[in-house]
PDB file of N, CA and C in Angstrom:
ATOM      1  N   UNK A   1     -42.066  -8.598   9.834  1.00  0.00           N
ATOM      2  CA  UNK A   1     -41.548  -7.424   9.166  1.00  0.00           C
ATOM      3  C   UNK A   1     -40.276  -6.921   9.846  1.00  0.00           C
ATOM      4  N   UNK A   2     -40.305  -6.945  11.176  1.00  0.00           N
ATOM      5  CA  UNK A   2     -39.135  -6.490  11.916  1.00  0.00           C
ATOM      6  C   UNK A   2     -37.945  -7.412  11.684  1.00  0.00           C
ATOM      7  N   UNK A   3     -38.209  -8.666  11.512  1.00  0.00           N
ATOM      8  CA  UNK A   3     -37.138  -9.627  11.264  1.00  0.00           C
ATOM      9  C   UNK A   3     -36.466  -9.322   9.928  1.00  0.00           C
ATOM     10  N   UNK A   4     -37.257  -8.968   8.933  1.00  0.00           N
ATOM     11  CA  UNK A   4     -36.712  -8.636   7.615  1.00  0.00           C
ATOM     12  C   UNK A   4     -35.889  -7.360   7.709  1.00  0.00           C
ATOM     13  N   UNK A   5     -36.421  -6.366   8.430  1.00  0.00           N
ATOM     14  CA  UNK A   5     -35.677  -5.113   8.593  1.00  0.00           C
ATOM     15  C   UNK A   5     -34.363  -5.343   9.334  1.00  0.00           C
ATOM     16  N   UNK A   6     -34.384  -6.185  10.349  1.00  0.00           N
ATOM     17  CA  UNK A   6     -33.168  -6.507  11.103  1.00  0.00           C
ATOM     18  C   UNK A   6     -32.148  -7.202  10.218  1.00  0.00           C
ATOM     19  N   UNK A   7     -32.651  -8.106   9.398  1.00  0.00           N
ATOM     20  CA  UNK A   7     -31.751  -8.822   8.479  1.00  0.00           C
ATOM     21  C   UNK A   7     -31.144  -7.869   7.457  1.00  0.00           C
ATOM     22  N   UNK A   8     -31.939  -6.929   6.958  1.00  0.00           N
ATOM     23  CA  UNK A   8     -31.447  -5.943   5.984  1.00  0.00           C
ATOM     24  C   UNK A   8     -30.387  -5.056   6.633  1.00  0.00           C
ATOM     25  N   UNK A   9     -30.619  -4.655   7.880  1.00  0.00           N
ATOM     26  CA  UNK A   9     -29.644  -3.816   8.592  1.00  0.00           C
ATOM     27  C   UNK A   9     -28.336  -4.589   8.765  1.00  0.00           C
ATOM     28  N   UNK A  10     -28.417  -5.872   9.134  1.00  0.00           N
ATOM     29  CA  UNK A  10     -27.216  -6.695   9.283  1.00  0.00           C
ATOM     30  C   UNK A  10     -26.458  -6.804   7.959  1.00  0.00           C
ATOM     31  N   UNK A  11     -27.176  -6.999   6.875  1.00  0.00           N
ATOM     32  CA  UNK A  11     -26.549  -7.114   5.566  1.00  0.00           C
ATOM     33  C   UNK A  11     -25.869  -5.805   5.158  1.00  0.00           C
ATOM     34  N   UNK A  12     -26.529  -4.684   5.457  1.00  0.00           N
ATOM     35  CA  UNK A  12     -25.943  -3.380   5.132  1.00  0.00           C
ATOM     36  C   UNK A  12     -24.675  -3.162   5.953  1.00  0.00           C
ATOM     37  N   UNK A  13     -24.711  -3.535   7.225  1.00  0.00           N
ATOM     38  CA  UNK A  13     -23.522  -3.399   8.066  1.00  0.00           C
ATOM     39  C   UNK A  13     -22.393  -4.297   7.555  1.00  0.00           C
ATOM     40  N   UNK A  14     -22.747  -5.509   7.160  1.00  0.00           N
ATOM     41  CA  UNK A  14     -21.749  -6.423   6.616  1.00  0.00           C
ATOM     42  C   UNK A  14     -21.146  -5.861   5.335  1.00  0.00           C
ATOM     43  N   UNK A  15     -21.981  -5.304   4.479  1.00  0.00           N
ATOM     44  CA  UNK A  15     -21.494  -4.706   3.241  1.00  0.00           C
ATOM     45  C   UNK A  15     -20.606  -3.497   3.522  1.00  0.00           C
ATOM     46  N   UNK A  16     -20.948  -2.729   4.530  1.00  0.00           N
ATOM     47  CA  UNK A  16     -20.152  -1.561   4.901  1.00  0.00           C
ATOM     48  C   UNK A  16     -18.749  -1.997   5.328  1.00  0.00           C
ATOM     49  N   UNK A  17     -18.676  -3.045   6.123  1.00  0.00           N
ATOM     50  CA  UNK A  17     -17.383  -3.570   6.563  1.00  0.00           C
ATOM     51  C   UNK A  17     -16.579  -4.039   5.359  1.00  0.00           C
ATOM     52  N   UNK A  18     -17.239  -4.743   4.431  1.00  0.00           N
ATOM     53  CA  UNK A  18     -16.546  -5.236   3.240  1.00  0.00           C
ATOM     54  C   UNK A  18     -16.072  -4.086   2.354  1.00  0.00           C
ATOM     55  N   UNK A  19     -16.886  -3.055   2.201  1.00  0.00           N
ATOM     56  CA  UNK A  19     -16.488  -1.896   1.391  1.00  0.00           C
ATOM     57  C   UNK A  19     -15.292  -1.197   2.024  1.00  0.00           C
ATOM     58  N   UNK A  20     -15.294  -1.074   3.340  1.00  0.00           N
ATOM     59  CA  UNK A  20     -14.150  -0.464   4.025  1.00  0.00           C
ATOM     60  C   UNK A  20     -12.893  -1.299   3.810  1.00  0.00           C
ATOM     61  N   UNK A  21     -13.036  -2.610   3.850  1.00  0.00           N
ATOM     62  CA  UNK A  21     -11.899  -3.488   3.587  1.00  0.00           C
ATOM     63  C   UNK A  21     -11.384  -3.308   2.163  1.00  0.00           C
ATOM     64  N   UNK A  22     -12.299  -3.157   1.223  1.00  0.00           N
ATOM     65  CA  UNK A  22     -11.902  -2.937  -0.171  1.00  0.00           C
ATOM     66  C   UNK A  22     -11.168  -1.602  -0.318  1.00  0.00           C
ATOM     67  N   UNK A  23     -11.621  -0.592   0.394  1.00  0.00           N
ATOM     68  CA  UNK A  23     -10.938   0.717   0.342  1.00  0.00           C
ATOM     69  C   UNK A  23      -9.513   0.583   0.867  1.00  0.00           C
ATOM     70  N   UNK A  24      -9.371  -0.151   1.952  1.00  0.00           N
ATOM     71  CA  UNK A  24      -8.043  -0.356   2.530  1.00  0.00           C
ATOM     72  C   UNK A  24      -7.144  -1.090   1.542  1.00  0.00           C
ATOM     73  N   UNK A  25      -7.676  -2.156   0.947  1.00  0.00           N
ATOM     74  CA  UNK A  25      -6.886  -2.906  -0.032  1.00  0.00           C
ATOM     75  C   UNK A  25      -6.554  -2.050  -1.246  1.00  0.00           C
ATOM     76  N   UNK A  26      -7.483  -1.238  -1.680  1.00  0.00           N
ATOM     77  CA  UNK A  26      -7.246  -0.363  -2.827  1.00  0.00           C
ATOM     78  C   UNK A  26      -6.130   0.627  -2.517  1.00  0.00           C
ATOM     79  N   UNK A  27      -6.140   1.157  -1.312  1.00  0.00           N
ATOM     80  CA  UNK A  27      -5.097   2.094  -0.896  1.00  0.00           C
ATOM     81  C   UNK A  27      -3.734   1.408  -0.884  1.00  0.00           C
ATOM     82  N   UNK A  28      -3.685   0.196  -0.338  1.00  0.00           N
ATOM     83  CA  UNK A  28      -2.421  -0.549  -0.291  1.00  0.00           C
ATOM     84  C   UNK A  28      -1.927  -0.874  -1.697  1.00  0.00           C
ATOM     85  N   UNK A  29      -2.846  -1.275  -2.584  1.00  0.00           N
ATOM     86  CA  UNK A  29      -2.460  -1.587  -3.959  1.00  0.00           C
ATOM     87  C   UNK A  29      -1.930  -0.345  -4.668  1.00  0.00           C
ATOM     88  N   UNK A  30      -2.498   0.793  -4.373  1.00  0.00           N
ATOM     89  CA  UNK A  30      -2.012   2.044  -4.970  1.00  0.00           C
ATOM     90  C   UNK A  30      -0.596   2.345  -4.498  1.00  0.00           C
ATOM     91  N   UNK A  31      -0.332   2.112  -3.212  1.00  0.00           N
ATOM     92  CA  UNK A  31       1.015   2.318  -2.686  1.00  0.00           C
ATOM     93  C   UNK A  31       2.008   1.363  -3.351  1.00  0.00           C
ATOM     94  N   UNK A  32       1.609   0.116  -3.507  1.00  0.00           N
ATOM     95  CA  UNK A  32       2.478  -0.874  -4.157  1.00  0.00           C
ATOM     96  C   UNK A  32       2.739  -0.469  -5.601  1.00  0.00           C
ATOM     97  N   UNK A  33       1.697   0.001  -6.280  1.00  0.00           N
ATOM     98  CA  UNK A  33       1.841   0.435  -7.674  1.00  0.00           C
ATOM     99  C   UNK A  33       2.833   1.590  -7.782  1.00  0.00           C
ATOM    100  N   UNK A  34       2.759   2.530  -6.854  1.00  0.00           N
ATOM    101  CA  UNK A  34       3.697   3.665  -6.855  1.00  0.00           C
ATOM    102  C   UNK A  34       5.133   3.191  -6.641  1.00  0.00           C
ATOM    103  N   UNK A  35       5.316   2.243  -5.713  1.00  0.00           N
ATOM    104  CA  UNK A  35       6.658   1.709  -5.467  1.00  0.00           C
ATOM    105  C   UNK A  35       7.195   0.999  -6.696  1.00  0.00           C
ATOM    106  N   UNK A  36       6.341   0.210  -7.339  1.00  0.00           N
ATOM    107  CA  UNK A  36       6.777  -0.499  -8.549  1.00  0.00           C
ATOM    108  C   UNK A  36       7.162   0.486  -9.647  1.00  0.00           C
ATOM    109  N   UNK A  37       6.444   1.563  -9.753  1.00  0.00           N
ATOM    110  CA  UNK A  37       6.774   2.580 -10.755  1.00  0.00           C
ATOM    111  C   UNK A  37       8.132   3.208 -10.458  1.00  0.00           C
ATOM    112  N   UNK A  38       8.385   3.496  -9.181  1.00  0.00           N
ATOM    113  CA  UNK A  38       9.676   4.057  -8.794  1.00  0.00           C
ATOM    114  C   UNK A  38      10.803   3.068  -9.082  1.00  0.00           C
ATOM    115  N   UNK A  39      10.584   1.792  -8.748  1.00  0.00           N
ATOM    116  CA  UNK A  39      11.605   0.780  -9.004  1.00  0.00           C
ATOM    117  C   UNK A  39      11.840   0.630 -10.506  1.00  0.00           C
ATOM    118  N   UNK A  40      10.788   0.742 -11.299  1.00  0.00           N
ATOM    119  CA  UNK A  40      10.937   0.672 -12.750  1.00  0.00           C
ATOM    120  C   UNK A  40      11.803   1.807 -13.267  1.00  0.00           C
ATOM    121  N   UNK A  41      11.576   3.002 -12.740  1.00  0.00           N
ATOM    122  CA  UNK A  41      12.400   4.153 -13.136  1.00  0.00           C
ATOM    123  C   UNK A  41      13.861   3.936 -12.759  1.00  0.00           C
ATOM    124  N   UNK A  42      14.078   3.433 -11.551  1.00  0.00           N
ATOM    125  CA  UNK A  42      15.452   3.168 -11.103  1.00  0.00           C
ATOM    126  C   UNK A  42      16.104   2.101 -11.973  1.00  0.00           C
ATOM    127  N   UNK A  43      15.337   1.091 -12.322  1.00  0.00           N
ATOM    128  CA  UNK A  43      15.868   0.017 -13.152  1.00  0.00           C
ATOM    129  C   UNK A  43      16.265   0.535 -14.531  1.00  0.00           C
ATOM    130  N   UNK A  44      15.452   1.411 -15.087  1.00  0.00           N
ATOM    131  CA  UNK A  44      15.784   1.997 -16.392  1.00  0.00           C
ATOM    132  C   UNK A  44      17.091   2.784 -16.313  1.00  0.00           C
ATOM    133  N   UNK A  45      17.251   3.581 -15.258  1.00  0.00           N
ATOM    134  CA  UNK A  45      18.484   4.354 -15.093  1.00  0.00           C
ATOM    135  C   UNK A  45      19.683   3.432 -14.943  1.00  0.00           C
ATOM    136  N   UNK A  46      19.521   2.369 -14.173  1.00  0.00           N
ATOM    137  CA  UNK A  46      20.607   1.421 -13.969  1.00  0.00           C
ATOM    138  C   UNK A  46      20.955   0.726 -15.280  1.00  0.00           C
ATOM    139  N   UNK A  47      19.946   0.390 -16.078  1.00  0.00           N
ATOM    140  CA  UNK A  47      20.190  -0.275 -17.350  1.00  0.00           C
ATOM    141  C   UNK A  47      20.998   0.616 -18.278  1.00  0.00           C
ATOM    142  N   UNK A  48      20.698   1.911 -18.275  1.00  0.00           N
ATOM    143  CA  UNK A  48      21.465   2.846 -19.101  1.00  0.00           C
ATOM    144  C   UNK A  48      22.927   2.850 -18.659  1.00  0.00           C
ATOM    145  N   UNK A  49      23.154   2.866 -17.360  1.00  0.00           N
ATOM    146  CA  UNK A  49      24.523   2.866 -16.849  1.00  0.00           C
ATOM    147  C   UNK A  49      25.251   1.577 -17.220  1.00  0.00           C
ATOM    148  N   UNK A  50      24.562   0.453 -17.113  1.00  0.00           N
ATOM    149  CA  UNK A  50      25.179  -0.824 -17.476  1.00  0.00           C
ATOM    150  C   UNK A  50      25.514  -0.839 -18.960  1.00  0.00           C
ATOM    151  N   UNK A  51      24.589  -0.357 -19.779  1.00  0.00           N
ATOM    152  CA  UNK A  51      24.840  -0.312 -21.217  1.00  0.00           C
ATOM    153  C   UNK A  51      26.058   0.549 -21.536  1.00  0.00           C
ATOM    154  N   UNK A  52      26.151   1.712 -20.898  1.00  0.00           N
ATOM    155  CA  UNK A  52      27.303   2.588 -21.123  1.00  0.00           C
ATOM    156  C   UNK A  52      28.599   1.920 -20.665  1.00  0.00           C
ATOM    157  N   UNK A  53      28.541   1.234 -19.538  1.00  0.00           N
ATOM    158  CA  UNK A  53      29.732   0.547 -19.028  1.00  0.00           C
ATOM    159  C   UNK A  53      30.177  -0.544 -19.984  1.00  0.00           C
ATOM    160  N   UNK A  54      29.237  -1.297 -20.492  1.00  0.00           N
ATOM    161  CA  UNK A  54      29.587  -2.384 -21.413  1.00  0.00           C
ATOM    162  C   UNK A  54      30.161  -1.829 -22.716  1.00  0.00           C
ATOM    163  N   UNK A  55      29.601  -0.729 -23.190  1.00  0.00           N
ATOM    164  CA  UNK A  55      30.124  -0.093 -24.402  1.00  0.00           C
ATOM    165  C   UNK A  55      31.548   0.392 -24.152  1.00  0.00           C
ATOM    166  N   UNK A  56      31.753   1.039 -23.014  1.00  0.00           N
ATOM    167  CA  UNK A  56      33.084   1.542 -22.674  1.00  0.00           C
ATOM    168  C   UNK A  56      34.074   0.394 -22.546  1.00  0.00           C
ATOM    169  N   UNK A  57      33.660  -0.692 -21.919  1.00  0.00           N
ATOM    170  CA  UNK A  57      34.541  -1.833 -21.745  1.00  0.00           C
ATOM    171  C   UNK A  57      34.934  -2.412 -23.103  1.00  0.00           C
ATOM    172  N   UNK A  58      33.988  -2.505 -24.012  1.00  0.00           N
ATOM    173  CA  UNK A  58      34.292  -3.000 -25.356  1.00  0.00           C
ATOM    174  C   UNK A  58      35.270  -2.099 -26.079  1.00  0.00           C
ATOM    175  N   UNK A  59      35.105  -0.796 -25.925  1.00  0.00           N
ATOM    176  CA  UNK A  59      36.015   0.152 -26.561  1.00  0.00           C
ATOM    177  C   UNK A  59      37.418   0.023 -25.977  1.00  0.00           C
ATOM    178  N   UNK A  60      37.522  -0.130 -24.683  1.00  0.00           N
ATOM    179  CA  UNK A  60      38.827  -0.275 -24.037  1.00  0.00           C
ATOM    180  C   UNK A  60      39.511  -1.546 -24.530  1.00  0.00           C
ATOM    181  N   UNK A  61      38.761  -2.634 -24.643  1.00  0.00           N
ATOM    182  CA  UNK A  61      39.353  -3.878 -25.122  1.00  0.00           C
ATOM    183  C   UNK A  61      39.848  -3.738 -26.555  1.00  0.00           C
ATOM    184  N   UNK A  62      39.082  -3.047 -27.380  1.00  0.00           N
ATOM    185  CA  UNK A  62      39.522  -2.838 -28.765  1.00  0.00           C
ATOM    186  C   UNK A  62      40.776  -1.984 -28.811  1.00  0.00           C
ATOM    187  N   UNK A  63      40.828  -0.936 -27.992  1.00  0.00           N
ATOM    188  CA  UNK A  63      42.004  -0.072 -27.952  1.00  0.00           C
ATOM    189  C   UNK A  63      43.228  -0.845 -27.460  1.00  0.00           C
ATOM    190  N   UNK A  64      43.022  -1.710 -26.492  1.00  0.00           N
ATOM    191  CA  UNK A  64      44.137  -2.510 -25.994  1.00  0.00           C
ATOM    192  C   UNK A  64      44.663  -3.443 -27.080  1.00  0.00           C
ATOM    193  N   UNK A  65      43.772  -4.039 -27.839  1.00  0.00           N
ATOM    194  CA  UNK A  65      44.198  -4.938 -28.918  1.00  0.00           C
ATOM    195  C   UNK A  65      44.987  -4.165 -29.969  1.00  0.00           C
ATOM    196  N   UNK A  66      44.521  -2.970 -30.329  1.00  0.00           N
ATOM    197  CA  UNK A  66      45.223  -2.142 -31.318  1.00  0.00           C
ATOM    198  C   UNK A  66      46.592  -1.748 -30.783  1.00  0.00           C
ATOM    199  N   UNK A  67      46.655  -1.349 -29.516  1.00  0.00           N
ATOM    200  CA  UNK A  67      47.942  -0.953 -28.919  1.00  0.00           C
ATOM    201  C   UNK A  67      48.901  -2.133 -28.850  1.00  0.00           C
ATOM    202  N   UNK A  68      48.395  -3.301 -28.510  1.00  0.00           N
ATOM    203  CA  UNK A  68      49.261  -4.480 -28.438  1.00  0.00           C
ATOM    204  C   UNK A  68      49.854  -4.787 -29.807  1.00  0.00           C
ATOM    205  N   UNK A  69      49.048  -4.701 -30.850  1.00  0.00           N
ATOM    206  CA  UNK A  69      49.553  -4.931 -32.209  1.00  0.00           C
ATOM    207  C   UNK A  69      50.578  -3.874 -32.591  1.00  0.00           C
ATOM    208  N   UNK A  70      50.303  -2.621 -32.255  1.00  0.00           N
ATOM    209  CA  UNK A  70      51.225  -1.530 -32.582  1.00  0.00           C
ATOM    210  C   UNK A  70      52.546  -1.708 -31.849  1.00  0.00           C
ATOM    211  N   UNK A  71      52.486  -2.074 -30.579  1.00  0.00           N
ATOM    212  CA  UNK A  71      53.705  -2.263 -29.800  1.00  0.00           C
ATOM    213  C   UNK A  71      54.505  -3.452 -30.334  1.00  0.00           C
ATOM    214  N   UNK A  72      53.817  -4.504 -30.736  1.00  0.00           N
ATOM    215  CA  UNK A  72      54.493  -5.669 -31.283  1.00  0.00           C
ATOM    216  C   UNK A  72      55.176  -5.313 -32.599  1.00  0.00           C
ATOM    217  N   UNK A  73      54.469  -4.548 -33.433  1.00  0.00           N
ATOM    218  CA  UNK A  73      55.049  -4.130 -34.713  1.00  0.00           C
ATOM    219  C   UNK A  73      56.245  -3.214 -34.478  1.00  0.00           C
ATOM    220  N   UNK A  74      56.143  -2.299 -33.519  1.00  0.00           N
ATOM    221  CA  UNK A  74      57.245  -1.388 -33.221  1.00  0.00           C
ATOM    222  C   UNK A  74      58.444  -2.151 -32.679  1.00  0.00           C
ATOM    223  N   UNK A  75      58.197  -3.141 -31.847  1.00  0.00           N
ATOM    224  CA  UNK A  75      59.295  -3.936 -31.283  1.00  0.00           C
ATOM    225  C   UNK A  75      60.001  -4.717 -32.376  1.00  0.00           C
ATOM    226  N   UNK A  76      59.268  -5.213 -33.346  1.00  0.00           N
ATOM    227  CA  UNK A  76      59.880  -5.951 -34.458  1.00  0.00           C
ATOM    228  C   UNK A  76      60.724  -5.025 -35.338  1.00  0.00           C
ATOM    229  N   UNK A  77      60.316  -3.788 -35.487  1.00  0.00           N
ATOM    230  CA  UNK A  77      61.056  -2.841 -36.318  1.00  0.00           C
ATOM    231  C   UNK A  77      62.318  -2.360 -35.620  1.00  0.00           C
ATOM    232  N   UNK A  78      62.259  -2.157 -34.330  1.00  0.00           N
ATOM    233  CA  UNK A  78      63.392  -1.630 -33.578  1.00  0.00           C
ATOM    234  C   UNK A  78      64.491  -2.672 -33.444  1.00  0.00           C
ATOM    235  N   UNK A  79      64.172  -3.862 -33.099  1.00  0.00           N
ATOM    236  CA  UNK A  79      65.203  -4.884 -32.905  1.00  0.00           C
ATOM    237  C   UNK A  79      64.929  -6.049 -33.857  1.00  0.00           C
ATOM    238  N   UNK A  80      65.626  -6.041 -34.983  1.00  0.00           N
ATOM    239  CA  UNK A  80      65.442  -7.167 -35.906  1.00  0.00           C
ATOM    240  C   UNK A  80      65.998  -8.432 -35.281  1.00  0.00           C
ATOM    241  N   UNK A  81      65.403  -9.533 -35.612  1.00  0.00           N
ATOM    242  CA  UNK A  81      65.870 -10.781 -35.000  1.00  0.00           C
ATOM    243  C   UNK A  81      67.305 -11.074 -35.422  1.00  0.00           C
ATOM    244  N   UNK A  82      68.090 -11.479 -34.481  1.00  0.00           N
ATOM    245  CA  UNK A  82      69.500 -11.809 -34.781  1.00  0.00           C
ATOM    246  C   UNK A  82      69.593 -13.297 -34.929  1.00  0.00           C
ATOM    247  N   UNK A  83      70.458 -13.697 -35.823  1.00  0.00           N
ATOM    248  CA  UNK A  83      70.655 -15.143 -36.017  1.00  0.00           C
ATOM    249  C   UNK A  83      71.708 -15.613 -35.021  1.00  0.00           C
ATOM    250  N   UNK A  84      71.523 -16.750 -34.493  1.00  0.00           N
ATOM    251  CA  UNK A  84      72.490 -17.264 -33.520  1.00  0.00           C
ATOM    252  C   UNK A  84      73.825 -17.555 -34.214  1.00  0.00           C
ATOM    253  N   UNK A  85      74.928 -17.323 -33.536  1.00  0.00           N
ATOM    254  CA  UNK A  85      76.240 -17.602 -34.125  1.00  0.00           C
ATOM    255  C   UNK A  85      76.374 -19.091 -34.449  1.00  0.00           C
ATOM    256  N   UNK A  86      76.970 -19.360 -35.592  1.00  0.00           N
ATOM    257  CA  UNK A  86      77.187 -20.751 -35.977  1.00  0.00           C
ATOM    258  C   UNK A  86      78.569 -21.201 -35.683  1.00  0.00           C
TER     259      UNK A  86
END
């Protein structure tokens, strides 16, 4: 009978150690989860900034193309091509 009780006590102690280990792992996983959530928030903010930058860059390129055409048209109007002397 004492042998069975001793074995039960050993098993309970072993289970206690394992439960404590699980608590530690659970705590660490919670910390990792919080960090991942923070990184996700930062990533979303960064994505918004990248999207705005790309939109702005596209607008600037379009404006440059329009200005280049306007300047070319203005240059053609101001100085008509001259024919070379024959």
